[in-house]
N, C-alpha and C. Protein backbone atom coordinates (compact mmCIF):
# COMPACT_ATOMS: atom_id res chain seq x y z
N MET A 1 69.65 -20.37 75.75
CA MET A 1 71.11 -20.51 75.81
C MET A 1 71.58 -20.26 77.24
N THR A 2 72.41 -21.16 77.76
CA THR A 2 72.91 -21.02 79.12
C THR A 2 74.01 -19.96 79.18
N GLU A 3 74.37 -19.58 80.42
CA GLU A 3 75.42 -18.57 80.60
C GLU A 3 76.76 -19.08 80.09
N LEU A 4 77.04 -20.38 80.32
CA LEU A 4 78.30 -20.96 79.84
C LEU A 4 78.34 -20.99 78.32
N GLU A 5 77.20 -21.27 77.70
CA GLU A 5 77.14 -21.26 76.23
C GLU A 5 77.40 -19.86 75.70
N ARG A 6 76.90 -18.85 76.38
CA ARG A 6 77.16 -17.46 75.99
C ARG A 6 78.66 -17.15 76.09
N LEU A 7 79.28 -17.66 77.16
CA LEU A 7 80.71 -17.43 77.34
C LEU A 7 81.50 -18.12 76.24
N TRP A 8 81.11 -19.36 75.88
CA TRP A 8 81.79 -20.07 74.80
C TRP A 8 81.66 -19.31 73.48
N ASN A 9 80.46 -18.79 73.22
CA ASN A 9 80.25 -18.02 71.98
C ASN A 9 81.10 -16.75 71.97
N ALA A 10 81.18 -16.09 73.13
CA ALA A 10 82.00 -14.88 73.23
C ALA A 10 83.47 -15.21 73.02
N LYS A 11 83.94 -16.31 73.60
CA LYS A 11 85.34 -16.73 73.42
C LYS A 11 85.63 -17.06 71.96
N ASP A 12 84.70 -17.77 71.31
CA ASP A 12 84.89 -18.11 69.90
C ASP A 12 84.97 -16.84 69.06
N CYS A 13 84.15 -15.84 69.38
CA CYS A 13 84.18 -14.57 68.66
C CYS A 13 85.52 -13.89 68.83
N MET A 14 86.05 -13.87 70.07
CA MET A 14 87.36 -13.26 70.33
C MET A 14 88.47 -14.01 69.59
N ASP A 15 88.39 -15.35 69.59
CA ASP A 15 89.40 -16.16 68.90
C ASP A 15 89.43 -15.84 67.41
N ARG A 16 88.26 -15.73 66.81
CA ARG A 16 88.19 -15.46 65.37
C ARG A 16 88.73 -14.07 65.05
N LEU A 17 88.36 -13.09 65.85
CA LEU A 17 88.86 -11.74 65.63
C LEU A 17 90.38 -11.69 65.80
N ALA A 18 90.90 -12.40 66.81
CA ALA A 18 92.34 -12.43 67.06
C ALA A 18 93.09 -13.05 65.90
N GLU A 19 92.45 -13.97 65.20
CA GLU A 19 93.09 -14.66 64.09
C GLU A 19 92.78 -14.01 62.75
N GLY A 20 92.12 -12.84 62.79
CA GLY A 20 91.88 -12.10 61.55
C GLY A 20 90.71 -12.61 60.73
N VAL A 21 89.70 -13.16 61.41
CA VAL A 21 88.54 -13.72 60.72
C VAL A 21 87.26 -13.03 61.20
N ASP A 22 86.38 -12.70 60.26
CA ASP A 22 85.09 -12.11 60.59
C ASP A 22 84.23 -13.18 61.27
N PRO A 23 83.88 -13.03 62.55
CA PRO A 23 83.12 -14.07 63.25
C PRO A 23 81.70 -14.24 62.73
N THR A 24 81.19 -13.26 61.98
CA THR A 24 79.82 -13.35 61.48
C THR A 24 79.72 -14.11 60.17
N SER A 25 80.79 -14.11 59.38
CA SER A 25 80.72 -14.73 58.05
C SER A 25 81.80 -15.78 57.81
N GLY A 26 82.88 -15.74 58.59
CA GLY A 26 83.99 -16.66 58.35
C GLY A 26 84.97 -16.14 57.33
N GLU A 27 84.74 -14.94 56.79
CA GLU A 27 85.66 -14.35 55.82
C GLU A 27 86.93 -13.85 56.49
N ILE A 28 88.04 -13.89 55.75
CA ILE A 28 89.28 -13.32 56.25
C ILE A 28 89.19 -11.80 56.21
N LEU A 29 89.51 -11.15 57.32
CA LEU A 29 89.48 -9.69 57.37
C LEU A 29 90.60 -9.11 56.52
N SER A 30 90.34 -8.02 55.85
CA SER A 30 91.38 -7.38 55.02
C SER A 30 92.48 -6.84 55.90
N ASN A 31 93.69 -6.78 55.36
CA ASN A 31 94.86 -6.38 56.14
C ASN A 31 94.75 -4.94 56.66
N ASP A 32 93.99 -4.08 55.96
CA ASP A 32 93.95 -2.68 56.35
C ASP A 32 92.80 -2.33 57.30
N THR A 33 92.02 -3.33 57.71
CA THR A 33 90.95 -3.04 58.65
C THR A 33 91.51 -2.85 60.06
N ILE A 34 90.87 -1.98 60.83
CA ILE A 34 91.33 -1.71 62.19
C ILE A 34 91.29 -2.97 63.05
N LEU A 35 90.38 -3.91 62.71
CA LEU A 35 90.26 -5.15 63.49
C LEU A 35 91.49 -6.04 63.34
N ASN A 36 92.32 -5.78 62.33
CA ASN A 36 93.55 -6.54 62.16
C ASN A 36 94.75 -5.82 62.76
N ASN A 37 94.50 -4.74 63.49
CA ASN A 37 95.57 -4.03 64.18
C ASN A 37 96.24 -4.97 65.18
N VAL A 38 97.57 -4.95 65.22
CA VAL A 38 98.32 -5.88 66.07
C VAL A 38 97.93 -5.73 67.54
N ASP A 39 97.82 -4.50 68.01
CA ASP A 39 97.48 -4.27 69.41
C ASP A 39 96.08 -4.80 69.74
N LEU A 40 95.13 -4.59 68.81
CA LEU A 40 93.79 -5.12 69.03
C LEU A 40 93.79 -6.63 69.05
N SER A 41 94.59 -7.23 68.16
CA SER A 41 94.69 -8.69 68.11
C SER A 41 95.17 -9.24 69.45
N ARG A 42 96.16 -8.57 70.03
CA ARG A 42 96.66 -9.00 71.34
C ARG A 42 95.57 -8.87 72.41
N CYS A 43 94.76 -7.82 72.31
CA CYS A 43 93.65 -7.65 73.26
C CYS A 43 92.61 -8.77 73.10
N PHE A 44 92.35 -9.15 71.84
CA PHE A 44 91.39 -10.23 71.60
C PHE A 44 91.90 -11.54 72.21
N PHE A 45 93.20 -11.84 72.02
CA PHE A 45 93.78 -13.04 72.61
C PHE A 45 93.68 -12.98 74.13
N PHE A 46 93.96 -11.82 74.71
CA PHE A 46 93.90 -11.64 76.15
C PHE A 46 92.48 -11.88 76.66
N THR A 47 91.49 -11.27 75.98
CA THR A 47 90.10 -11.43 76.39
C THR A 47 89.66 -12.88 76.27
N SER A 48 90.10 -13.55 75.20
CA SER A 48 89.76 -14.97 75.01
C SER A 48 90.31 -15.82 76.15
N ASP A 49 91.54 -15.51 76.58
CA ASP A 49 92.15 -16.28 77.66
C ASP A 49 91.41 -16.05 78.98
N ILE A 50 90.98 -14.82 79.24
CA ILE A 50 90.20 -14.53 80.43
C ILE A 50 88.88 -15.31 80.40
N LEU A 51 88.21 -15.30 79.24
CA LEU A 51 86.95 -16.04 79.10
C LEU A 51 87.17 -17.53 79.31
N ARG A 52 88.30 -18.05 78.80
CA ARG A 52 88.60 -19.48 78.99
C ARG A 52 88.71 -19.81 80.47
N GLN A 53 89.41 -18.96 81.21
CA GLN A 53 89.57 -19.20 82.64
C GLN A 53 88.24 -19.14 83.38
N VAL A 54 87.37 -18.21 82.98
CA VAL A 54 86.05 -18.10 83.59
C VAL A 54 85.23 -19.35 83.28
N ILE A 55 85.30 -19.82 82.04
CA ILE A 55 84.57 -21.03 81.65
C ILE A 55 85.06 -22.23 82.45
N GLU A 56 86.39 -22.36 82.58
CA GLU A 56 86.94 -23.47 83.35
C GLU A 56 86.55 -23.40 84.82
N ASN A 57 86.18 -22.20 85.27
CA ASN A 57 85.74 -22.01 86.66
C ASN A 57 84.22 -22.03 86.75
N ASN A 58 83.59 -22.71 85.74
CA ASN A 58 82.13 -22.87 85.70
C ASN A 58 81.39 -21.53 85.67
N GLY A 59 82.01 -20.54 85.05
CA GLY A 59 81.34 -19.26 84.86
C GLY A 59 81.54 -18.26 85.96
N ALA A 60 82.26 -18.67 87.02
CA ALA A 60 82.48 -17.77 88.14
C ALA A 60 83.70 -16.91 87.91
N VAL A 61 83.59 -15.60 88.19
CA VAL A 61 84.72 -14.69 88.09
C VAL A 61 85.35 -14.56 89.47
N THR A 62 86.63 -14.90 89.58
CA THR A 62 87.32 -14.85 90.86
C THR A 62 88.56 -14.00 90.75
N LYS A 63 89.18 -13.73 91.89
CA LYS A 63 90.39 -12.95 91.90
C LYS A 63 91.54 -13.67 91.21
N GLN A 64 91.41 -15.00 91.07
CA GLN A 64 92.48 -15.77 90.43
C GLN A 64 92.45 -15.63 88.91
N THR A 65 91.36 -15.05 88.37
CA THR A 65 91.26 -14.86 86.93
C THR A 65 92.22 -13.76 86.50
N ARG A 66 93.30 -14.13 85.86
CA ARG A 66 94.30 -13.16 85.44
C ARG A 66 95.00 -13.67 84.19
N ARG A 67 95.70 -12.79 83.52
CA ARG A 67 96.39 -13.15 82.31
C ARG A 67 97.60 -14.01 82.61
N LYS A 68 97.83 -15.00 81.77
CA LYS A 68 99.00 -15.84 81.93
C LYS A 68 100.24 -15.11 81.42
N SER A 69 101.39 -15.71 81.64
CA SER A 69 102.63 -15.12 81.18
C SER A 69 102.63 -15.01 79.66
N VAL A 70 103.51 -14.18 79.13
CA VAL A 70 103.59 -13.96 77.70
C VAL A 70 103.82 -15.29 76.97
N LEU A 71 103.05 -15.51 75.93
CA LEU A 71 103.15 -16.76 75.18
C LEU A 71 104.39 -16.76 74.30
N SER A 72 104.95 -17.94 74.12
CA SER A 72 106.14 -18.08 73.28
C SER A 72 105.74 -18.10 71.81
N PRO A 73 106.68 -17.82 70.89
CA PRO A 73 106.37 -17.87 69.45
C PRO A 73 105.90 -19.26 69.03
N PHE A 74 105.13 -19.29 67.98
CA PHE A 74 104.60 -20.56 67.47
C PHE A 74 105.71 -21.40 66.86
N VAL A 75 105.78 -22.66 67.25
CA VAL A 75 106.69 -23.62 66.65
C VAL A 75 105.94 -24.94 66.49
N LEU A 76 106.34 -25.73 65.52
CA LEU A 76 105.68 -27.01 65.27
C LEU A 76 106.71 -28.01 64.77
N SER A 77 106.91 -29.07 65.54
CA SER A 77 107.90 -30.09 65.17
C SER A 77 107.37 -30.95 64.04
N ASP A 78 108.28 -31.59 63.32
CA ASP A 78 107.89 -32.50 62.24
C ASP A 78 107.05 -33.65 62.78
N ASN A 79 107.36 -34.06 64.00
CA ASN A 79 106.62 -35.16 64.61
C ASN A 79 105.16 -34.79 64.82
N LEU A 80 104.92 -33.57 65.34
CA LEU A 80 103.55 -33.10 65.53
C LEU A 80 102.86 -32.85 64.20
N LEU A 81 103.61 -32.28 63.25
CA LEU A 81 103.04 -31.96 61.95
C LEU A 81 102.55 -33.22 61.23
N SER A 82 103.20 -34.36 61.51
CA SER A 82 102.80 -35.62 60.87
C SER A 82 101.39 -36.04 61.30
N ASN A 83 100.89 -35.46 62.39
CA ASN A 83 99.54 -35.79 62.88
C ASN A 83 98.46 -34.90 62.28
N LEU A 84 98.87 -33.93 61.44
CA LEU A 84 97.89 -33.01 60.85
C LEU A 84 96.99 -33.74 59.85
N GLU A 85 95.70 -33.50 59.98
CA GLU A 85 94.74 -34.13 59.08
C GLU A 85 94.64 -33.32 57.77
N ILE A 86 94.93 -33.98 56.67
CA ILE A 86 94.73 -33.40 55.34
C ILE A 86 93.47 -34.03 54.76
N THR A 87 92.49 -33.22 54.44
CA THR A 87 91.19 -33.75 54.02
C THR A 87 91.01 -33.73 52.50
N GLU A 88 90.32 -34.72 52.00
CA GLU A 88 89.96 -34.74 50.58
C GLU A 88 88.89 -33.68 50.31
N THR A 89 88.04 -33.45 51.27
CA THR A 89 87.00 -32.43 51.13
C THR A 89 87.61 -31.04 51.24
N PRO A 90 87.37 -30.16 50.30
CA PRO A 90 87.91 -28.80 50.38
C PRO A 90 87.48 -28.12 51.68
N THR A 91 88.38 -27.36 52.26
CA THR A 91 88.13 -26.71 53.55
C THR A 91 88.49 -25.25 53.49
N MET A 92 87.89 -24.45 54.35
CA MET A 92 88.22 -23.04 54.44
C MET A 92 89.50 -22.87 55.25
N ILE A 93 90.21 -21.78 55.03
CA ILE A 93 91.52 -21.58 55.65
C ILE A 93 91.43 -21.48 57.17
N LYS A 94 90.32 -20.96 57.70
CA LYS A 94 90.14 -20.87 59.16
C LYS A 94 90.11 -22.27 59.77
N GLN A 95 89.35 -23.17 59.17
CA GLN A 95 89.27 -24.53 59.70
C GLN A 95 90.61 -25.25 59.59
N PHE A 96 91.33 -25.01 58.49
CA PHE A 96 92.64 -25.64 58.31
C PHE A 96 93.63 -25.11 59.35
N THR A 97 93.60 -23.80 59.59
CA THR A 97 94.47 -23.21 60.60
C THR A 97 94.13 -23.73 61.99
N ASP A 98 92.84 -23.92 62.27
CA ASP A 98 92.43 -24.48 63.56
C ASP A 98 93.02 -25.87 63.76
N ARG A 99 93.09 -26.67 62.70
CA ARG A 99 93.66 -28.01 62.82
C ARG A 99 95.16 -27.93 63.13
N ILE A 100 95.84 -26.97 62.52
CA ILE A 100 97.27 -26.79 62.81
C ILE A 100 97.46 -26.36 64.26
N ASN A 101 96.68 -25.38 64.70
CA ASN A 101 96.80 -24.90 66.07
C ASN A 101 96.42 -25.96 67.09
N GLY A 102 95.56 -26.88 66.68
CA GLY A 102 95.14 -27.94 67.58
C GLY A 102 96.24 -28.94 67.90
N LEU A 103 97.36 -28.85 67.19
CA LEU A 103 98.48 -29.77 67.42
C LEU A 103 99.39 -29.30 68.56
N VAL A 104 99.24 -28.04 68.99
CA VAL A 104 100.14 -27.49 70.01
C VAL A 104 99.36 -27.04 71.24
N ASP A 105 100.07 -26.76 72.29
CA ASP A 105 99.47 -26.29 73.55
C ASP A 105 99.36 -24.77 73.51
N ASP A 106 98.15 -24.27 73.29
CA ASP A 106 98.00 -22.81 73.15
C ASP A 106 97.98 -22.09 74.49
N SER A 107 98.19 -22.83 75.58
CA SER A 107 98.30 -22.16 76.88
C SER A 107 99.72 -21.64 77.11
N VAL A 108 100.67 -22.12 76.31
CA VAL A 108 102.06 -21.67 76.46
C VAL A 108 102.61 -21.11 75.15
N MET A 109 101.88 -21.28 74.07
CA MET A 109 102.38 -20.87 72.76
C MET A 109 101.33 -20.06 72.02
N GLN A 110 101.77 -18.98 71.37
CA GLN A 110 100.85 -18.18 70.58
C GLN A 110 100.37 -18.97 69.37
N LYS A 111 99.11 -18.75 69.00
CA LYS A 111 98.54 -19.46 67.87
C LYS A 111 99.10 -18.94 66.54
N LEU A 112 99.11 -19.82 65.56
CA LEU A 112 99.42 -19.42 64.19
C LEU A 112 98.20 -18.67 63.66
N LYS A 113 98.42 -17.45 63.17
CA LYS A 113 97.30 -16.63 62.72
C LYS A 113 96.90 -16.97 61.29
N VAL A 114 95.60 -16.91 61.05
CA VAL A 114 95.08 -17.13 59.70
C VAL A 114 95.72 -16.15 58.73
N THR A 115 95.91 -14.91 59.17
CA THR A 115 96.44 -13.88 58.28
C THR A 115 97.87 -14.18 57.84
N ALA A 116 98.61 -14.98 58.62
CA ALA A 116 99.96 -15.36 58.20
C ALA A 116 99.88 -16.26 56.97
N LEU A 117 98.90 -17.16 56.95
CA LEU A 117 98.72 -18.04 55.80
C LEU A 117 98.27 -17.25 54.58
N THR A 118 97.28 -16.36 54.76
CA THR A 118 96.78 -15.62 53.60
C THR A 118 97.81 -14.62 53.08
N THR A 119 98.61 -14.05 53.98
CA THR A 119 99.69 -13.15 53.54
C THR A 119 100.67 -13.90 52.66
N TRP A 120 101.05 -15.11 53.09
CA TRP A 120 101.98 -15.91 52.29
C TRP A 120 101.36 -16.27 50.94
N LEU A 121 100.08 -16.61 50.93
CA LEU A 121 99.40 -16.98 49.69
C LEU A 121 99.31 -15.80 48.72
N VAL A 122 99.08 -14.60 49.27
CA VAL A 122 99.05 -13.39 48.43
C VAL A 122 100.45 -13.08 47.91
N ASN A 123 101.44 -13.14 48.79
CA ASN A 123 102.82 -12.82 48.40
C ASN A 123 103.35 -13.75 47.31
N ASN A 124 102.83 -14.97 47.27
CA ASN A 124 103.31 -15.95 46.30
C ASN A 124 102.36 -16.13 45.11
N GLY A 125 101.38 -15.22 45.00
CA GLY A 125 100.55 -15.18 43.80
C GLY A 125 99.40 -16.16 43.74
N PHE A 126 99.05 -16.79 44.86
CA PHE A 126 97.95 -17.76 44.86
C PHE A 126 96.61 -17.09 45.18
N LEU A 127 96.66 -15.96 45.88
CA LEU A 127 95.48 -15.16 46.16
C LEU A 127 95.74 -13.72 45.72
N CYS A 128 94.67 -13.01 45.41
CA CYS A 128 94.78 -11.57 45.13
C CYS A 128 93.62 -10.88 45.84
N GLU A 129 93.66 -9.56 45.85
CA GLU A 129 92.61 -8.79 46.50
C GLU A 129 91.81 -8.01 45.46
N GLU A 130 90.51 -7.91 45.69
CA GLU A 130 89.65 -7.12 44.83
C GLU A 130 88.73 -6.28 45.70
N ILE A 131 88.21 -5.20 45.14
CA ILE A 131 87.29 -4.32 45.85
C ILE A 131 85.87 -4.65 45.42
N VAL A 132 85.02 -5.01 46.39
CA VAL A 132 83.62 -5.29 46.13
C VAL A 132 82.78 -4.51 47.13
N ASN A 133 81.93 -3.65 46.64
CA ASN A 133 81.10 -2.81 47.51
C ASN A 133 81.95 -2.03 48.51
N ASP A 134 83.05 -1.47 48.00
CA ASP A 134 83.97 -0.65 48.80
C ASP A 134 84.69 -1.44 49.89
N LYS A 135 84.69 -2.75 49.78
CA LYS A 135 85.39 -3.59 50.75
C LYS A 135 86.39 -4.49 50.03
N LYS A 136 87.55 -4.69 50.67
CA LYS A 136 88.54 -5.61 50.11
C LYS A 136 88.18 -7.05 50.43
N ARG A 137 88.35 -7.93 49.47
CA ARG A 137 88.21 -9.35 49.74
C ARG A 137 89.22 -10.11 48.88
N LYS A 138 89.61 -11.25 49.35
CA LYS A 138 90.59 -12.06 48.64
C LYS A 138 89.89 -13.09 47.76
N LYS A 139 90.54 -13.44 46.66
CA LYS A 139 90.02 -14.48 45.78
C LYS A 139 91.20 -15.20 45.15
N PRO A 140 91.02 -16.45 44.71
CA PRO A 140 92.14 -17.18 44.10
C PRO A 140 92.50 -16.63 42.73
N THR A 141 93.79 -16.61 42.44
CA THR A 141 94.28 -16.24 41.11
C THR A 141 94.25 -17.48 40.22
N LYS A 142 94.64 -17.33 38.97
CA LYS A 142 94.73 -18.49 38.07
C LYS A 142 95.72 -19.51 38.62
N LEU A 143 96.84 -18.99 39.18
CA LEU A 143 97.83 -19.87 39.78
C LEU A 143 97.24 -20.60 40.99
N GLY A 144 96.44 -19.87 41.78
CA GLY A 144 95.80 -20.49 42.94
C GLY A 144 94.80 -21.55 42.54
N GLU A 145 94.02 -21.28 41.49
CA GLU A 145 93.05 -22.27 41.01
C GLU A 145 93.76 -23.52 40.52
N LYS A 146 94.90 -23.33 39.87
CA LYS A 146 95.68 -24.48 39.39
C LYS A 146 96.19 -25.30 40.57
N LEU A 147 96.50 -24.63 41.67
CA LEU A 147 96.99 -25.32 42.87
C LEU A 147 95.87 -26.10 43.55
N GLY A 148 94.64 -25.63 43.42
CA GLY A 148 93.53 -26.31 44.08
C GLY A 148 92.71 -25.41 45.00
N ILE A 149 92.81 -24.10 44.78
CA ILE A 149 92.04 -23.14 45.56
C ILE A 149 90.84 -22.71 44.72
N SER A 150 89.65 -22.80 45.30
CA SER A 150 88.43 -22.44 44.58
C SER A 150 87.63 -21.45 45.43
N SER A 151 86.60 -20.88 44.84
CA SER A 151 85.75 -19.94 45.57
C SER A 151 84.30 -20.15 45.18
N GLU A 152 83.42 -19.83 46.12
CA GLU A 152 81.99 -19.91 45.83
C GLU A 152 81.24 -18.90 46.69
N GLU A 153 80.21 -18.32 46.11
CA GLU A 153 79.38 -17.36 46.84
C GLU A 153 78.48 -18.12 47.80
N ARG A 154 78.43 -17.64 49.04
CA ARG A 154 77.60 -18.27 50.05
C ARG A 154 76.76 -17.21 50.75
N GLU A 155 75.70 -17.68 51.41
CA GLU A 155 74.84 -16.79 52.16
C GLU A 155 74.89 -17.14 53.64
N SER A 156 74.88 -16.12 54.47
CA SER A 156 74.78 -16.31 55.91
C SER A 156 73.67 -15.41 56.41
N GLN A 157 73.38 -15.49 57.70
CA GLN A 157 72.33 -14.64 58.25
C GLN A 157 72.70 -13.16 58.18
N TYR A 158 73.99 -12.89 57.91
CA TYR A 158 74.46 -11.51 57.82
C TYR A 158 74.64 -11.05 56.37
N GLY A 159 74.29 -11.91 55.42
CA GLY A 159 74.42 -11.55 54.01
C GLY A 159 75.35 -12.47 53.27
N GLY A 160 75.62 -12.14 52.00
CA GLY A 160 76.47 -12.98 51.17
C GLY A 160 77.95 -12.73 51.41
N TYR A 161 78.75 -13.75 51.14
CA TYR A 161 80.20 -13.63 51.23
C TYR A 161 80.85 -14.64 50.30
N LEU A 162 82.12 -14.42 49.99
CA LEU A 162 82.86 -15.31 49.11
C LEU A 162 83.66 -16.29 49.95
N ALA A 163 83.32 -17.56 49.86
CA ALA A 163 84.04 -18.60 50.60
C ALA A 163 85.21 -19.11 49.74
N ILE A 164 86.42 -19.11 50.32
CA ILE A 164 87.60 -19.61 49.63
C ILE A 164 87.90 -21.01 50.17
N LEU A 165 88.00 -21.98 49.27
CA LEU A 165 88.16 -23.38 49.67
C LEU A 165 89.48 -23.94 49.15
N TYR A 166 90.09 -24.79 49.97
CA TYR A 166 91.40 -25.37 49.67
C TYR A 166 91.27 -26.88 49.61
N ASN A 167 91.58 -27.46 48.44
CA ASN A 167 91.47 -28.91 48.32
C ASN A 167 92.71 -29.59 48.90
N GLU A 168 92.78 -30.90 48.76
CA GLU A 168 93.87 -31.67 49.36
C GLU A 168 95.23 -31.19 48.85
N SER A 169 95.33 -30.93 47.55
CA SER A 169 96.60 -30.49 46.97
C SER A 169 97.02 -29.15 47.56
N ALA A 170 96.07 -28.22 47.69
CA ALA A 170 96.39 -26.90 48.24
C ALA A 170 96.79 -27.00 49.71
N GLN A 171 96.12 -27.86 50.45
CA GLN A 171 96.46 -28.05 51.86
C GLN A 171 97.90 -28.57 51.99
N ARG A 172 98.25 -29.53 51.16
CA ARG A 172 99.60 -30.11 51.23
C ARG A 172 100.67 -29.07 50.84
N HIS A 173 100.32 -28.21 49.89
CA HIS A 173 101.28 -27.19 49.48
C HIS A 173 101.53 -26.21 50.63
N ILE A 174 100.48 -25.87 51.35
CA ILE A 174 100.63 -24.99 52.51
C ILE A 174 101.52 -25.65 53.56
N VAL A 175 101.27 -26.93 53.82
CA VAL A 175 102.08 -27.66 54.81
C VAL A 175 103.55 -27.70 54.39
N ASN A 176 103.80 -27.90 53.10
CA ASN A 176 105.18 -27.96 52.61
C ASN A 176 105.91 -26.63 52.75
N ASN A 177 105.15 -25.55 52.89
CA ASN A 177 105.75 -24.22 53.04
C ASN A 177 105.44 -23.60 54.40
N LEU A 178 105.09 -24.45 55.36
CA LEU A 178 104.65 -23.96 56.66
C LEU A 178 105.75 -23.21 57.40
N GLU A 179 107.00 -23.59 57.17
CA GLU A 179 108.10 -22.91 57.86
C GLU A 179 108.12 -21.42 57.52
N GLN A 180 107.92 -21.10 56.23
CA GLN A 180 107.88 -19.69 55.83
C GLN A 180 106.68 -18.97 56.43
N ILE A 181 105.55 -19.67 56.50
CA ILE A 181 104.32 -19.08 57.03
C ILE A 181 104.47 -18.81 58.53
N ILE A 182 105.07 -19.74 59.24
CA ILE A 182 105.31 -19.55 60.68
C ILE A 182 106.22 -18.35 60.91
N ALA A 183 107.22 -18.19 60.04
CA ALA A 183 108.14 -17.04 60.17
C ALA A 183 107.38 -15.73 60.02
N ILE A 184 106.41 -15.68 59.10
CA ILE A 184 105.58 -14.48 58.93
C ILE A 184 104.78 -14.22 60.20
N SER A 185 104.18 -15.27 60.76
CA SER A 185 103.37 -15.14 61.96
C SER A 185 104.20 -14.62 63.13
N ASN A 186 105.40 -15.17 63.30
CA ASN A 186 106.24 -14.75 64.42
C ASN A 186 106.81 -13.36 64.23
N ARG A 187 107.04 -12.94 62.97
CA ARG A 187 107.48 -11.56 62.70
C ARG A 187 106.38 -10.58 63.10
N GLU A 188 105.13 -10.94 62.81
CA GLU A 188 104.01 -10.09 63.19
C GLU A 188 103.94 -9.97 64.71
N LYS A 189 104.22 -11.07 65.40
CA LYS A 189 104.20 -11.05 66.86
C LYS A 189 105.29 -10.12 67.40
N ARG A 190 106.50 -10.25 66.84
CA ARG A 190 107.61 -9.40 67.31
C ARG A 190 107.33 -7.93 66.99
N ARG A 191 106.74 -7.68 65.82
CA ARG A 191 106.41 -6.30 65.44
C ARG A 191 105.42 -5.70 66.43
N GLY A 192 104.46 -6.52 66.86
CA GLY A 192 103.48 -6.05 67.84
C GLY A 192 104.13 -5.75 69.17
N GLU A 193 105.09 -6.60 69.58
CA GLU A 193 105.78 -6.36 70.84
C GLU A 193 106.63 -5.09 70.76
N ASP A 194 107.28 -4.88 69.60
CA ASP A 194 108.10 -3.67 69.43
C ASP A 194 107.23 -2.42 69.50
N THR A 195 106.04 -2.50 68.87
CA THR A 195 105.12 -1.37 68.89
C THR A 195 104.66 -1.06 70.30
N GLN A 196 104.38 -2.13 71.06
CA GLN A 196 103.95 -1.95 72.44
C GLN A 196 105.08 -1.35 73.28
N ASP A 197 106.31 -1.83 73.09
CA ASP A 197 107.45 -1.29 73.83
C ASP A 197 107.68 0.18 73.50
N MET A 198 107.52 0.55 72.23
CA MET A 198 107.71 1.94 71.82
C MET A 198 106.66 2.83 72.48
N GLY A 199 105.42 2.32 72.57
CA GLY A 199 104.36 3.08 73.21
C GLY A 199 104.65 3.29 74.67
N THR A 200 105.24 2.27 75.31
CA THR A 200 105.59 2.39 76.73
C THR A 200 106.66 3.46 76.94
N VAL A 201 107.66 3.48 76.03
CA VAL A 201 108.73 4.48 76.12
C VAL A 201 108.18 5.89 75.97
N LEU A 202 107.26 6.07 75.00
CA LEU A 202 106.71 7.39 74.73
C LEU A 202 105.86 7.90 75.88
N LEU A 203 105.23 6.95 76.60
CA LEU A 203 104.36 7.34 77.70
C LEU A 203 105.10 7.52 79.00
N SER A 204 106.35 7.00 79.06
CA SER A 204 107.10 7.06 80.32
C SER A 204 107.78 8.40 80.51
């Protein structure tokens, strides 16, 4: 593996952690894990952006490698949304979220987080949480199965995990409610900024 390939792998790992996804299995991280902490998520995004700049500079670290200005909240116009690919083949929520984020310029706009979608799905009764081996994991409810959400046990090099899949109908339902999901994502962003500001006040 080349040095640039290592950097790409590290960036992908940071991106997944920032979006609330276990990079080893593809599972959605539970809301109460420390890895889903808002401040840590911001650090993951920051590290990913630094790695991107290093990669674009052919792996060289220079004094110009620095964080960009604060990203604006996620927005998506109807015109851009019309370009979103809805697949007949069931897909995992991470891949579906990646397709949504691929419609916007993530150099100026914060990405839509996977956890915003799963939070909305839980709040509306399509997903629920269960404890397995002392760990929380999400699974589709009867309502979710009726919508087109399914699950299957899979194996990875790190062990077994439950893959949650969304068919065409489920994907379209998410798109039809994307405005509410984006609002959740942007509220999380503002909450993180408020927390950071409060920490600055306490330390000053």
